[in-house]
Amino acid sequence: MLKKAGKSHAQRFPKSFQDYPARLQVEVTTRCNMNCSMCVKYAPESEIHDRDLSLDDFKRLGPALNHCEKLVLNGIGEPLLHPDLAAMASFARERMPEHGSIGFQTNGLLFTEQRARELVDAGVDTFCVSVDSLDSSDAKGELHGQSSTDRLVRTFSFLNEAGRKSGKKIKLGAEFVLMADTYKQLPEVIRWAAGQGAEFILCSHVLAYHQSMQDQSLFNPNSSAAVELFEKWKKTARERGYDLQQYFSYVWNPGRSMKREKLFDLIREMRADAEKQDVWINLRSLADWDRKSQTKEYQQLRDVCDRSRKLAAELGVDLRLPSLMAENELRCSFMEDGAAFITSKGEVSPCQFLWHSCTCYLDGSEKLLRQKKFGNIAETGLGEIWKGAPYAGFRTEVLEYEYPYCSNCPMVPCDDIIGRDNEFEYDCLGVEVPCGHCPWAMGGLQCLM
């Protein structure tokens, strides 16, 4: 991200340097009524155990709620399992600014007519229902344990009716995870959800918490600038009578030839061009994704996304579709928007990527994620934690945007990515925040926050 000369962090990102967070995501429970294969809760080495955040601990957020523009009442678990969810929403609504929004994501299966009315009356105005598949014949799809969408139809019906009876404006939406097995259903999910009254569709790529899920990811971790540079030099190589894809066979071939040396010279030119343009490149990854992008399957993915955008526009649905490849510059909306995250234990974390400890798979390798926390609301007020030197310093360093673009680095996966040998201290550029390989910052993952 380019810095604006003459402006301080507080001027450029005022919400990150207020006395309290502008946005809060509170994990009211880690319990769930499902066991989805994509869920972080069931990832190897996950430290996420079943527990509820107590109502008393939630009420400790009272001073912060006076300044909160957006409150999301969910984390890893299903929020409808918390017996005090409506009481939490009511407590928050009484304290939040008039324009403040309260919402949560849910699998929707536990809604009843009474539960929907109770939550709408308590002040919840945004409901995002997971709809990962409409095809019950697809054994690999996640249909929330149901053989049909009947339960979800009832969920939307209950919520629409609750909004009508209360006279309050509520926003209904659906969440869809783009995966190799289900992405073709997106247009039908949009049409179906619009028919249930959904105003928005929140789409996200999948983050593989299990090795078996790696092939489900459709997200190209190479930035568009890196891809453009690769295309340029692929064309140059072709004009000179070479094929960039041959480079890797030559690397492991000890023999020498004029063609081999000329291709190596071209690769050096390409790397020099990338350095001159300040573009991080991972040649192996670029070559692999270049092959993938030429396949019929990937062309079909682009077509599905294009058709989905057009359909959503026709139906008046706000389709929040992520990019198919990484953004040119890392950007942390969590820091820029002044967000803070509270676990079911009351711990305060800076973002979704560092919310819980677990393993996941990035850049083809297992990554041990370690939770980052700055205190606990049961012991210290959120305002004090938020303004404290450790947390404020963390936000400042994140917003410097001086860390490497790890997925586009030729050395990936390095020890910092894998995270096995030592806890993260600083990256290859000396930056002390572990943000260079964050899939949210790359633009691959989205959430209600």
Protein backbone atom coordinates (compact mmCIF):
# COMPACT_ATOMS: atom_id res chain seq x y z
CA MET A 1 0.00 0.00 0.00
CA LEU A 2 1.37 3.39 -0.93
CA LYS A 3 1.73 5.76 1.99
CA LYS A 4 0.29 9.22 1.73
CA ALA A 5 3.04 11.75 2.37
CA GLY A 6 2.58 14.06 5.31
CA LYS A 7 -0.19 12.06 6.96
CA SER A 8 0.18 10.17 10.22
CA HIS A 9 -1.39 6.77 10.89
CA ALA A 10 -4.01 8.44 13.08
CA GLN A 11 -4.97 10.75 10.22
CA ARG A 12 -5.08 8.01 7.59
CA PHE A 13 -6.75 5.39 9.78
CA PRO A 14 -8.56 7.32 12.55
CA LYS A 15 -10.73 4.39 13.64
CA SER A 16 -7.67 2.40 14.62
CA PHE A 17 -6.52 5.09 17.02
CA GLN A 18 -9.73 6.05 18.79
CA ASP A 19 -10.15 5.38 22.51
CA TYR A 20 -12.23 2.27 21.77
CA PRO A 21 -12.63 -0.12 18.83
CA ALA A 22 -15.11 0.97 16.18
CA ARG A 23 -16.00 -2.65 15.47
CA LEU A 24 -16.26 -5.70 17.70
CA GLN A 25 -16.55 -9.36 16.88
CA VAL A 26 -17.47 -11.33 19.96
CA GLU A 27 -17.32 -15.11 19.97
CA VAL A 28 -20.30 -15.86 22.19
CA THR A 29 -19.75 -19.61 21.97
CA THR A 30 -17.51 -22.22 20.39
CA ARG A 31 -20.19 -24.90 20.62
CA CYS A 32 -21.83 -26.00 17.37
CA ASN A 33 -24.63 -28.28 16.26
CA MET A 34 -22.62 -29.36 13.20
CA ASN A 35 -19.30 -30.93 12.29
CA CYS A 36 -18.31 -29.31 8.98
CA SER A 37 -15.14 -30.57 7.33
CA MET A 38 -13.96 -27.03 6.52
CA CYS A 39 -14.19 -25.75 10.11
CA VAL A 40 -11.11 -24.61 12.02
CA LYS A 41 -12.50 -26.14 15.19
CA TYR A 42 -11.66 -29.61 13.92
CA ALA A 43 -8.24 -28.71 12.53
CA PRO A 44 -5.22 -30.62 13.85
CA GLU A 45 -3.75 -29.03 16.98
CA SER A 46 -6.75 -26.78 17.36
CA GLU A 47 -7.04 -25.40 20.88
CA ILE A 48 -10.71 -24.50 20.50
CA HIS A 49 -12.75 -26.23 23.18
CA ASP A 50 -16.49 -25.99 23.80
CA ARG A 51 -17.38 -23.03 25.98
CA ASP A 52 -19.73 -20.03 26.18
CA LEU A 53 -18.83 -16.44 26.95
CA SER A 54 -20.79 -15.56 30.08
CA LEU A 55 -23.34 -12.76 30.03
CA ASP A 56 -21.46 -11.10 32.89
CA ASP A 57 -18.24 -11.04 30.86
CA PHE A 58 -20.11 -9.72 27.84
CA LYS A 59 -21.47 -6.87 29.95
CA ARG A 60 -17.88 -5.85 30.70
CA LEU A 61 -17.87 -4.56 27.12
CA GLY A 62 -20.45 -1.89 28.07
CA PRO A 63 -18.10 1.14 27.85
CA ALA A 64 -16.75 -0.06 24.50
CA LEU A 65 -20.23 -0.65 23.10
CA ASN A 66 -20.97 3.05 23.55
CA HIS A 67 -18.49 3.64 20.70
CA CYS A 68 -19.16 0.53 18.61
CA GLU A 69 -20.46 1.01 15.07
CA LYS A 70 -20.69 -2.69 14.23
CA LEU A 71 -21.05 -5.72 16.49
CA VAL A 72 -20.81 -9.28 15.21
CA LEU A 73 -21.95 -11.93 17.70
CA ASN A 74 -20.23 -15.03 16.43
CA GLY A 75 -16.90 -16.76 16.11
CA ILE A 76 -16.14 -20.42 15.64
CA GLY A 77 -19.40 -21.80 17.05
CA GLU A 78 -23.10 -21.44 16.33
CA PRO A 79 -24.37 -18.33 18.16
CA LEU A 80 -27.96 -19.62 18.40
CA LEU A 81 -26.73 -22.19 20.93
CA HIS A 82 -26.02 -19.46 23.49
CA PRO A 83 -29.00 -19.14 25.86
CA ASP A 84 -28.27 -15.43 26.50
CA LEU A 85 -27.80 -14.34 22.89
CA ALA A 86 -30.89 -12.12 22.90
CA ALA A 87 -29.92 -10.61 26.25
CA MET A 88 -26.47 -9.78 24.85
CA ALA A 89 -28.00 -8.15 21.79
CA SER A 90 -30.44 -6.14 23.93
CA PHE A 91 -27.64 -5.00 26.26
CA ALA A 92 -25.57 -3.90 23.26
CA ARG A 93 -28.45 -2.15 21.48
CA GLU A 94 -29.18 -0.01 24.56
CA ARG A 95 -25.59 1.29 24.50
CA MET A 96 -24.51 1.41 20.87
CA PRO A 97 -24.88 4.54 18.73
CA GLU A 98 -28.18 4.85 16.91
CA HIS A 99 -26.56 3.95 13.57
CA GLY A 100 -24.78 0.93 15.08
CA SER A 101 -25.39 -2.49 13.55
CA ILE A 102 -25.68 -5.87 15.29
CA GLY A 103 -25.48 -9.12 13.34
CA PHE A 104 -24.13 -12.62 13.18
CA GLN A 105 -23.46 -15.53 10.85
CA THR A 106 -25.36 -18.75 11.46
CA ASN A 107 -26.13 -22.13 9.96
CA GLY A 108 -29.77 -21.19 10.62
CA LEU A 109 -30.97 -24.63 11.67
CA LEU A 110 -31.95 -23.69 15.23
CA PHE A 111 -34.26 -20.82 14.32
CA THR A 112 -37.86 -21.01 15.42
CA GLU A 113 -40.54 -18.38 14.94
CA GLN A 114 -40.15 -17.33 18.58
CA ARG A 115 -36.33 -17.25 18.44
CA ALA A 116 -36.36 -15.07 15.33
CA ARG A 117 -38.81 -12.58 16.85
CA GLU A 118 -36.88 -12.52 20.13
CA LEU A 119 -33.61 -11.61 18.39
CA VAL A 120 -35.14 -8.99 16.11
CA ASP A 121 -36.89 -7.38 19.09
CA ALA A 122 -33.56 -7.42 20.97
CA GLY A 123 -31.97 -5.33 18.25
CA VAL A 124 -30.22 -7.73 15.89
CA ASP A 125 -30.57 -6.21 12.41
CA THR A 126 -28.31 -8.37 10.21
CA PHE A 127 -28.54 -12.13 9.74
CA CYS A 128 -26.16 -14.00 7.45
CA VAL A 129 -27.18 -17.63 6.85
CA SER A 130 -24.68 -20.20 5.55
CA VAL A 131 -25.78 -21.82 2.30
CA ASP A 132 -22.86 -23.92 1.11
CA SER A 133 -24.75 -26.21 -1.25
CA LEU A 134 -28.21 -26.66 -2.74
CA ASP A 135 -27.42 -30.05 -4.22
CA SER A 136 -28.28 -32.73 -1.69
CA SER A 137 -27.02 -35.41 -4.11
CA ASP A 138 -23.50 -34.01 -3.82
CA ALA A 139 -21.98 -36.12 -1.07
CA LYS A 140 -19.00 -33.76 -0.80
CA GLY A 141 -21.14 -30.69 -0.26
CA GLU A 142 -22.03 -29.28 3.14
CA LEU A 143 -25.82 -28.97 3.44
CA HIS A 144 -25.86 -28.56 7.21
CA GLY A 145 -26.85 -32.15 7.79
CA GLN A 146 -30.09 -31.84 5.88
CA SER A 147 -31.40 -33.73 2.85
CA SER A 148 -33.02 -30.58 1.48
CA THR A 149 -33.12 -26.83 1.96
CA ASP A 150 -36.54 -26.94 3.65
CA ARG A 151 -35.13 -25.97 7.03
CA LEU A 152 -33.31 -22.98 5.56
CA VAL A 153 -36.47 -21.88 3.74
CA ARG A 154 -38.22 -21.84 7.11
CA THR A 155 -35.33 -19.89 8.63
CA PHE A 156 -35.65 -17.10 6.09
CA SER A 157 -39.43 -17.17 6.48
CA PHE A 158 -39.17 -16.80 10.26
CA LEU A 159 -36.77 -13.88 9.94
CA ASN A 160 -38.80 -12.09 7.27
CA GLU A 161 -41.94 -12.45 9.36
CA ALA A 162 -40.14 -11.27 12.52
CA GLY A 163 -38.97 -8.16 10.73
CA ARG A 164 -42.45 -7.48 9.37
CA LYS A 165 -44.18 -7.89 12.73
CA SER A 166 -41.64 -5.79 14.60
CA GLY A 167 -41.72 -3.02 12.03
CA LYS A 168 -37.92 -2.98 12.06
CA LYS A 169 -35.68 -2.97 9.03
CA ILE A 170 -33.50 -6.08 9.00
CA LYS A 171 -30.92 -7.23 6.45
CA LEU A 172 -30.88 -10.87 5.40
CA GLY A 173 -27.94 -12.42 3.61
CA ALA A 174 -26.39 -15.73 2.70
CA GLU A 175 -22.81 -16.91 3.05
CA PHE A 176 -21.24 -19.14 0.39
CA VAL A 177 -17.76 -20.69 0.46
CA LEU A 178 -16.13 -20.99 -2.96
CA MET A 179 -14.75 -24.52 -3.26
CA ALA A 180 -13.83 -26.76 -6.17
CA ASP A 181 -16.75 -29.08 -5.39
CA THR A 182 -19.43 -26.41 -5.04
CA TYR A 183 -18.53 -23.19 -6.89
CA LYS A 184 -20.71 -24.11 -9.90
CA GLN A 185 -23.76 -23.79 -7.66
CA LEU A 186 -23.15 -20.11 -6.92
CA PRO A 187 -25.61 -18.72 -9.53
CA GLU A 188 -28.36 -20.99 -8.23
CA VAL A 189 -27.55 -20.09 -4.63
CA ILE A 190 -27.85 -16.41 -5.55
CA ARG A 191 -31.21 -16.97 -7.26
CA TRP A 192 -32.47 -19.15 -4.40
CA ALA A 193 -31.33 -16.77 -1.65
CA ALA A 194 -32.80 -13.75 -3.45
CA GLY A 195 -36.09 -15.62 -3.53
CA GLN A 196 -35.91 -15.96 0.25
CA GLY A 197 -35.41 -12.21 0.71
CA ALA A 198 -31.61 -12.10 0.94
CA GLU A 199 -30.17 -8.65 0.19
CA PHE A 200 -26.54 -9.71 0.09
CA ILE A 201 -24.40 -12.77 -0.66
CA LEU A 202 -21.08 -12.97 1.19
CA CYS A 203 -18.59 -15.21 -0.65
CA SER A 204 -15.19 -16.29 0.54
CA HIS A 205 -12.49 -18.69 -0.55
CA VAL A 206 -11.82 -21.64 1.72
CA LEU A 207 -8.84 -21.69 4.07
CA ALA A 208 -7.65 -25.29 4.23
CA TYR A 209 -7.40 -26.41 7.84
CA HIS A 210 -6.89 -30.01 6.72
CA GLN A 211 -4.48 -31.32 4.11
CA SER A 212 -7.38 -32.95 2.27
CA MET A 213 -8.99 -29.52 1.77
CA GLN A 214 -6.06 -27.98 -0.13
CA ASP A 215 -7.41 -29.04 -3.51
CA GLN A 216 -10.70 -27.31 -2.71
CA SER A 217 -9.12 -23.85 -2.75
CA LEU A 218 -9.66 -21.82 -5.93
CA PHE A 219 -7.63 -18.81 -4.80
CA ASN A 220 -4.49 -17.93 -6.74
CA PRO A 221 -2.02 -16.56 -4.13
CA ASN A 222 0.03 -14.76 -6.81
CA SER A 223 -0.76 -11.06 -7.10
CA SER A 224 -2.21 -9.74 -10.33
CA ALA A 225 0.96 -7.66 -10.81
CA ALA A 226 3.07 -10.81 -10.51
CA VAL A 227 0.83 -12.66 -12.96
CA GLU A 228 1.01 -9.76 -15.41
CA LEU A 229 4.81 -9.75 -15.18
CA PHE A 230 4.92 -13.51 -15.72
CA GLU A 231 2.70 -13.17 -18.80
CA LYS A 232 5.01 -10.50 -20.18
CA TRP A 233 8.10 -12.67 -19.83
CA LYS A 234 6.32 -15.78 -21.01
CA LYS A 235 5.61 -13.90 -24.24
CA THR A 236 9.23 -12.69 -24.43
CA ALA A 237 10.48 -16.24 -23.90
CA ARG A 238 8.20 -17.53 -26.66
CA GLU A 239 9.46 -14.83 -29.04
CA ARG A 240 13.03 -15.95 -28.30
CA GLY A 241 12.13 -19.59 -28.86
CA TYR A 242 11.96 -20.69 -25.22
CA ASP A 243 9.31 -21.95 -22.82
CA LEU A 244 9.33 -20.67 -19.24
CA GLN A 245 7.83 -23.96 -18.06
CA GLN A 246 11.06 -25.71 -19.12
CA TYR A 247 13.05 -23.76 -16.56
CA PHE A 248 12.27 -26.18 -13.75
CA SER A 249 13.37 -29.24 -15.70
CA TYR A 250 16.65 -27.45 -16.45
CA VAL A 251 17.14 -26.50 -12.78
CA TRP A 252 17.38 -30.17 -11.81
CA ASN A 253 19.35 -31.17 -14.90
CA PRO A 254 23.12 -30.91 -14.28
CA GLY A 255 23.87 -30.88 -18.00
CA ARG A 256 24.77 -27.70 -19.86
CA SER A 257 23.43 -26.41 -23.15
CA MET A 258 23.17 -23.10 -24.94
CA LYS A 259 19.36 -23.22 -24.70
CA ARG A 260 19.56 -23.86 -20.97
CA GLU A 261 21.93 -20.97 -20.36
CA LYS A 262 19.89 -18.59 -22.51
CA LEU A 263 16.74 -19.48 -20.59
CA PHE A 264 18.56 -18.91 -17.29
CA ASP A 265 19.65 -15.50 -18.58
CA LEU A 266 16.04 -14.69 -19.42
CA ILE A 267 14.91 -15.71 -15.91
CA ARG A 268 17.55 -13.38 -14.45
CA GLU A 269 16.17 -10.57 -16.62
CA MET A 270 12.70 -11.37 -15.39
CA ARG A 271 13.75 -11.28 -11.73
CA ALA A 272 15.56 -7.96 -12.29
CA ASP A 273 12.40 -6.56 -13.88
CA ALA A 274 10.34 -7.74 -10.89
CA GLU A 275 12.78 -6.12 -8.46
CA LYS A 276 12.73 -2.88 -10.42
CA GLN A 277 8.92 -2.82 -10.27
CA ASP A 278 8.94 -3.88 -6.59
CA VAL A 279 6.85 -6.94 -7.39
CA TRP A 280 7.31 -10.09 -5.31
CA ILE A 281 7.36 -13.23 -7.48
CA ASN A 282 7.33 -16.94 -6.77
CA LEU A 283 8.27 -18.46 -10.12
CA ARG A 284 7.20 -22.01 -9.25
CA SER A 285 3.79 -20.86 -8.05
CA LEU A 286 3.34 -18.59 -11.07
CA ALA A 287 4.15 -21.43 -13.46
CA ASP A 288 1.79 -23.83 -11.66
CA TRP A 289 -1.07 -21.34 -11.68
CA ASP A 290 -0.33 -20.44 -15.30
CA ARG A 291 -1.02 -24.07 -16.22
CA LYS A 292 -4.15 -24.13 -14.07
CA SER A 293 -5.49 -20.94 -15.61
CA GLN A 294 -5.39 -22.52 -19.07
CA THR A 295 -7.57 -25.46 -18.07
CA LYS A 296 -11.23 -25.77 -19.01
CA GLU A 297 -12.11 -25.98 -15.31
CA TYR A 298 -10.55 -22.61 -14.50
CA GLN A 299 -12.19 -20.98 -17.49
CA GLN A 300 -15.47 -22.34 -16.18
CA LEU A 301 -14.75 -20.79 -12.77
CA ARG A 302 -14.32 -17.37 -14.38
CA ASP A 303 -17.54 -17.88 -16.32
CA VAL A 304 -19.45 -18.80 -13.14
CA CYS A 305 -18.17 -15.66 -11.42
CA ASP A 306 -19.13 -13.47 -14.39
CA ARG A 307 -22.61 -14.99 -14.60
CA SER A 308 -23.02 -14.63 -10.84
CA ARG A 309 -22.19 -10.91 -10.95
CA LYS A 310 -24.68 -10.30 -13.74
CA LEU A 311 -27.40 -12.33 -12.05
CA ALA A 312 -26.90 -10.58 -8.71
CA ALA A 313 -27.14 -7.19 -10.45
CA GLU A 314 -30.37 -8.23 -12.16
CA LEU A 315 -31.87 -9.41 -8.88
CA GLY A 316 -30.70 -6.39 -6.91
CA VAL A 317 -28.50 -8.50 -4.63
CA ASP A 318 -25.24 -7.17 -3.21
CA LEU A 319 -22.76 -9.90 -4.23
CA ARG A 320 -19.55 -9.64 -2.22
CA LEU A 321 -17.31 -11.82 -4.37
CA PRO A 322 -13.59 -12.11 -3.58
CA SER A 323 -10.91 -11.84 -6.23
CA LEU A 324 -9.70 -15.05 -7.86
CA MET A 325 -6.10 -13.95 -7.32
CA ALA A 326 -4.23 -12.03 -4.65
CA GLU A 327 -4.41 -8.26 -4.50
CA ASN A 328 -1.33 -6.31 -5.55
CA GLU A 329 -0.89 -4.84 -2.09
CA LEU A 330 -1.61 -6.38 1.29
CA ARG A 331 -4.32 -4.51 3.17
CA CYS A 332 -5.73 -5.15 6.63
CA SER A 333 -9.32 -3.96 6.89
CA PHE A 334 -9.40 -5.20 10.50
CA MET A 335 -6.75 -2.67 11.53
CA GLU A 336 -7.93 0.12 9.21
CA ASP A 337 -11.53 -0.16 10.41
CA GLY A 338 -10.60 -0.31 14.08
CA ALA A 339 -11.80 -3.85 14.79
CA ALA A 340 -11.12 -5.99 17.84
CA PHE A 341 -11.95 -9.66 18.45
CA ILE A 342 -13.06 -11.25 21.71
CA THR A 343 -12.83 -15.02 22.19
CA SER A 344 -15.27 -17.07 24.23
CA LYS A 345 -12.62 -16.96 26.99
CA GLY A 346 -12.71 -13.18 27.00
CA GLU A 347 -9.29 -12.85 25.33
CA VAL A 348 -8.68 -9.85 23.10
CA SER A 349 -7.13 -10.57 19.68
CA PRO A 350 -6.44 -8.25 16.73
CA CYS A 351 -7.89 -10.18 13.79
CA GLN A 352 -9.44 -13.40 12.55
CA PHE A 353 -6.11 -14.79 11.33
CA LEU A 354 -4.59 -14.63 14.84
CA TRP A 355 -7.77 -15.35 16.79
CA HIS A 356 -7.07 -19.02 17.60
CA SER A 357 -4.15 -21.44 17.54
CA CYS A 358 -4.41 -24.28 15.05
CA THR A 359 -2.83 -25.68 11.91
CA CYS A 360 -3.76 -24.74 8.37
CA TYR A 361 -2.24 -25.10 4.91
CA LEU A 362 -0.72 -22.14 3.07
CA ASP A 363 1.45 -22.22 -0.03
CA GLY A 364 1.29 -26.00 -0.11
CA SER A 365 2.70 -26.47 3.38
CA GLU A 366 1.33 -26.95 6.87
CA LYS A 367 1.32 -23.78 8.93
CA LEU A 368 1.09 -23.68 12.72
CA LEU A 369 -0.94 -20.60 13.58
CA ARG A 370 -0.38 -19.16 17.04
CA GLN A 371 -2.95 -16.99 18.73
CA LYS A 372 -2.05 -13.35 19.40
CA LYS A 373 -3.73 -11.84 22.44
CA PHE A 374 -3.33 -8.61 24.39
CA GLY A 375 -5.34 -9.24 27.53
CA ASN A 376 -8.65 -10.52 28.87
CA ILE A 377 -11.78 -8.46 29.45
CA ALA A 378 -12.42 -10.40 32.68
CA GLU A 379 -9.26 -8.83 34.11
CA THR A 380 -8.83 -5.49 32.30
CA GLY A 381 -11.24 -3.13 30.58
CA LEU A 382 -11.25 -3.33 26.78
CA GLY A 383 -10.48 0.37 26.48
CA GLU A 384 -7.34 -0.02 28.55
CA ILE A 385 -6.24 -3.06 26.54
CA TRP A 386 -7.00 -1.29 23.25
CA LYS A 387 -5.01 1.84 24.13
CA GLY A 388 -2.19 -0.06 25.83
CA ALA A 389 1.27 0.09 24.27
CA PRO A 390 1.41 -3.56 23.09
CA TYR A 391 -1.91 -3.46 21.19
CA ALA A 392 -1.53 0.11 19.89
CA GLY A 393 2.02 -0.68 18.81
CA PHE A 394 0.83 -3.80 16.98
CA ARG A 395 -1.77 -1.81 15.04
CA THR A 396 0.79 0.83 14.17
CA GLU A 397 3.25 -1.71 12.80
CA VAL A 398 0.58 -3.53 10.80
CA LEU A 399 -0.48 -0.26 9.20
CA GLU A 400 3.10 0.49 8.15
CA TYR A 401 2.61 -2.25 5.51
CA GLU A 402 6.33 -2.94 5.41
CA TYR A 403 6.20 -6.74 5.75
CA PRO A 404 6.95 -9.11 2.85
CA TYR A 405 4.37 -10.56 0.47
CA CYS A 406 5.09 -14.11 1.60
CA SER A 407 3.06 -16.14 -0.89
CA ASN A 408 4.76 -14.29 -3.74
CA CYS A 409 8.25 -14.86 -2.29
CA PRO A 410 10.58 -17.42 -3.98
CA MET A 411 11.64 -18.73 -0.55
CA VAL A 412 8.15 -19.72 0.57
CA PRO A 413 7.47 -21.74 2.69
CA CYS A 414 10.16 -20.52 5.09
CA ASP A 415 10.36 -21.15 8.85
CA ASP A 416 8.21 -18.08 9.49
CA ILE A 417 5.43 -19.57 7.39
CA ILE A 418 5.69 -23.08 8.80
CA GLY A 419 5.91 -21.84 12.40
CA ARG A 420 7.14 -25.14 13.81
CA ASP A 421 10.65 -24.48 15.06
CA ASN A 422 10.06 -21.26 16.98
CA GLU A 423 7.33 -18.81 17.81
CA PHE A 424 7.24 -15.88 15.40
CA GLU A 425 9.52 -13.00 16.45
CA TYR A 426 10.11 -11.11 13.20
CA ASP A 427 10.07 -11.80 9.47
CA CYS A 428 12.82 -11.65 6.87
CA LEU A 429 12.51 -7.86 6.72
CA GLY A 430 12.68 -7.46 10.49
CA VAL A 431 8.99 -6.66 10.95
CA GLU A 432 7.48 -7.99 14.19
CA VAL A 433 3.91 -8.63 13.00
CA PRO A 434 3.11 -12.00 11.29
CA CYS A 435 1.01 -10.49 8.51
CA GLY A 436 2.93 -11.19 5.28
CA HIS A 437 1.04 -14.42 4.62
CA CYS A 438 -2.42 -13.44 5.86
CA PRO A 439 -5.11 -14.65 3.41
CA TRP A 440 -7.50 -11.90 4.56
CA ALA A 441 -4.91 -9.23 3.73
CA MET A 442 -4.38 -10.86 0.33
CA GLY A 443 -8.09 -10.55 -0.45
CA GLY A 444 -8.90 -14.25 -0.47
CA LEU A 445 -11.09 -14.43 2.63
CA GLN A 446 -14.06 -12.30 3.66
CA CYS A 447 -16.30 -12.19 6.70
CA LEU A 448 -19.30 -10.30 8.06
CA MET A 449 -17.01 -8.00 10.05
